[in-house]
């Protein structure tokens, strides 16, 4: 099924981001057991989101784009893991 997101999945930036999320998900799956329930899944996503928020709250001169991207990728990967493990 082809969905419209305002971009195509062939967009190089989108493909790169999806590849990074896929790598993060594979690493998490290899190193940690499946999420056991919705509460645990929520807590894991919230922890990653809080880490992204901590990066966002930094002064602009102290923010690091690489760190922001890494935290965003972890949020996305854990949201996917929630979907795979629990739904």
C-alpha atoms as a PDB file:
ATOM      1  CA  UNK A   1       0.000   0.000   0.000  1.00  0.00           C
ATOM      2  CA  UNK A   2       1.430   3.344  -1.038  1.00  0.00           C
ATOM      3  CA  UNK A   3       0.899   6.145   1.444  1.00  0.00           C
ATOM      4  CA  UNK A   4       1.445   9.841   0.843  1.00  0.00           C
ATOM      5  CA  UNK A   5       3.572  11.559   3.474  1.00  0.00           C
ATOM      6  CA  UNK A   6       4.456  14.742   1.600  1.00  0.00           C
ATOM      7  CA  UNK A   7       7.673  13.108   0.431  1.00  0.00           C
ATOM      8  CA  UNK A   8       8.591   9.982  -1.417  1.00  0.00           C
ATOM      9  CA  UNK A   9      10.338   7.088   0.232  1.00  0.00           C
ATOM     10  CA  UNK A  10      12.968   7.415  -2.479  1.00  0.00           C
ATOM     11  CA  UNK A  11      14.023  10.756  -1.038  1.00  0.00           C
ATOM     12  CA  UNK A  12      17.676  10.263  -0.021  1.00  0.00           C
ATOM     13  CA  UNK A  13      17.253  12.007   3.345  1.00  0.00           C
ATOM     14  CA  UNK A  14      14.245   9.863   4.198  1.00  0.00           C
ATOM     15  CA  UNK A  15      16.021   6.679   3.165  1.00  0.00           C
ATOM     16  CA  UNK A  16      19.047   7.614   5.275  1.00  0.00           C
ATOM     17  CA  UNK A  17      16.851   8.323   8.302  1.00  0.00           C
ATOM     18  CA  UNK A  18      14.950   5.051   7.879  1.00  0.00           C
ATOM     19  CA  UNK A  19      18.235   3.155   7.553  1.00  0.00           C
ATOM     20  CA  UNK A  20      19.471   4.728  10.804  1.00  0.00           C
ATOM     21  CA  UNK A  21      16.250   3.828  12.604  1.00  0.00           C
ATOM     22  CA  UNK A  22      16.499   0.281  11.249  1.00  0.00           C
ATOM     23  CA  UNK A  23      20.063  -0.016  12.581  1.00  0.00           C
ATOM     24  CA  UNK A  24      18.999   1.303  15.985  1.00  0.00           C
ATOM     25  CA  UNK A  25      16.065  -1.101  16.126  1.00  0.00           C
ATOM     26  CA  UNK A  26      18.292  -4.054  15.182  1.00  0.00           C
ATOM     27  CA  UNK A  27      20.815  -3.121  17.879  1.00  0.00           C
ATOM     28  CA  UNK A  28      18.124  -2.722  20.531  1.00  0.00           C
ATOM     29  CA  UNK A  29      16.514  -6.021  19.557  1.00  0.00           C
ATOM     30  CA  UNK A  30      19.856  -7.787  19.801  1.00  0.00           C
ATOM     31  CA  UNK A  31      20.794  -6.278  23.182  1.00  0.00           C
ATOM     32  CA  UNK A  32      17.478  -6.075  25.052  1.00  0.00           C
ATOM     33  CA  UNK A  33      14.516  -8.407  25.531  1.00  0.00           C
ATOM     34  CA  UNK A  34      11.140  -7.568  23.986  1.00  0.00           C
ATOM     35  CA  UNK A  35       8.956  -5.002  25.684  1.00  0.00           C
ATOM     36  CA  UNK A  36       6.676  -6.920  28.068  1.00  0.00           C
ATOM     37  CA  UNK A  37       3.655  -4.643  28.232  1.00  0.00           C
ATOM     38  CA  UNK A  38       2.282  -1.244  27.225  1.00  0.00           C
ATOM     39  CA  UNK A  39       3.490   0.433  30.402  1.00  0.00           C
ATOM     40  CA  UNK A  40       7.068  -0.690  29.858  1.00  0.00           C
ATOM     41  CA  UNK A  41       6.895   0.313  26.200  1.00  0.00           C
ATOM     42  CA  UNK A  42       5.589   3.742  27.125  1.00  0.00           C
ATOM     43  CA  UNK A  43       8.330   4.157  29.738  1.00  0.00           C
ATOM     44  CA  UNK A  44      11.050   3.264  27.236  1.00  0.00           C
ATOM     45  CA  UNK A  45       9.686   5.705  24.638  1.00  0.00           C
ATOM     46  CA  UNK A  46       9.293   8.405  27.300  1.00  0.00           C
ATOM     47  CA  UNK A  47      12.882   7.922  28.451  1.00  0.00           C
ATOM     48  CA  UNK A  48      14.148   8.368  24.901  1.00  0.00           C
ATOM     49  CA  UNK A  49      11.858  11.351  24.351  1.00  0.00           C
ATOM     50  CA  UNK A  50      13.123  12.961  27.562  1.00  0.00           C
ATOM     51  CA  UNK A  51      16.692  12.534  26.310  1.00  0.00           C
ATOM     52  CA  UNK A  52      15.725  14.257  23.046  1.00  0.00           C
ATOM     53  CA  UNK A  53      14.030  17.032  25.045  1.00  0.00           C
ATOM     54  CA  UNK A  54      17.207  17.483  27.114  1.00  0.00           C
ATOM     55  CA  UNK A  55      19.153  18.051  23.890  1.00  0.00           C
ATOM     56  CA  UNK A  56      16.528  20.477  22.578  1.00  0.00           C
ATOM     57  CA  UNK A  57      16.570  22.544  25.790  1.00  0.00           C
ATOM     58  CA  UNK A  58      20.289  23.235  25.503  1.00  0.00           C
ATOM     59  CA  UNK A  59      21.371  26.689  24.448  1.00  0.00           C
ATOM     60  CA  UNK A  60      21.641  26.912  20.666  1.00  0.00           C
ATOM     61  CA  UNK A  61      25.407  27.287  20.945  1.00  0.00           C
ATOM     62  CA  UNK A  62      25.593  24.073  23.009  1.00  0.00           C
ATOM     63  CA  UNK A  63      23.307  21.945  20.829  1.00  0.00           C
ATOM     64  CA  UNK A  64      24.850  19.272  18.701  1.00  0.00           C
ATOM     65  CA  UNK A  65      22.998  18.225  15.536  1.00  0.00           C
ATOM     66  CA  UNK A  66      24.512  14.749  15.720  1.00  0.00           C
ATOM     67  CA  UNK A  67      23.214  14.252  19.274  1.00  0.00           C
ATOM     68  CA  UNK A  68      19.763  15.568  18.348  1.00  0.00           C
ATOM     69  CA  UNK A  69      19.592  13.211  15.370  1.00  0.00           C
ATOM     70  CA  UNK A  70      20.744  10.269  17.485  1.00  0.00           C
ATOM     71  CA  UNK A  71      18.113  10.897  20.142  1.00  0.00           C
ATOM     72  CA  UNK A  72      15.383  11.321  17.503  1.00  0.00           C
ATOM     73  CA  UNK A  73      16.461   8.050  15.898  1.00  0.00           C
ATOM     74  CA  UNK A  74      16.178   6.303  19.282  1.00  0.00           C
ATOM     75  CA  UNK A  75      12.659   7.670  19.776  1.00  0.00           C
ATOM     76  CA  UNK A  76      11.634   6.400  16.342  1.00  0.00           C
ATOM     77  CA  UNK A  77      13.238   3.000  16.883  1.00  0.00           C
ATOM     78  CA  UNK A  78      11.546   2.509  20.242  1.00  0.00           C
ATOM     79  CA  UNK A  79       8.176   3.527  18.789  1.00  0.00           C
ATOM     80  CA  UNK A  80       8.668   0.871  16.107  1.00  0.00           C
ATOM     81  CA  UNK A  81       9.737  -1.643  18.730  1.00  0.00           C
ATOM     82  CA  UNK A  82       6.536  -0.891  20.650  1.00  0.00           C
ATOM     83  CA  UNK A  83       4.539  -1.597  17.499  1.00  0.00           C
ATOM     84  CA  UNK A  84       6.402  -4.831  16.765  1.00  0.00           C
ATOM     85  CA  UNK A  85       6.574  -6.201  20.315  1.00  0.00           C
ATOM     86  CA  UNK A  86       3.166  -5.182  21.606  1.00  0.00           C
ATOM     87  CA  UNK A  87       0.664  -4.771  18.787  1.00  0.00           C
END
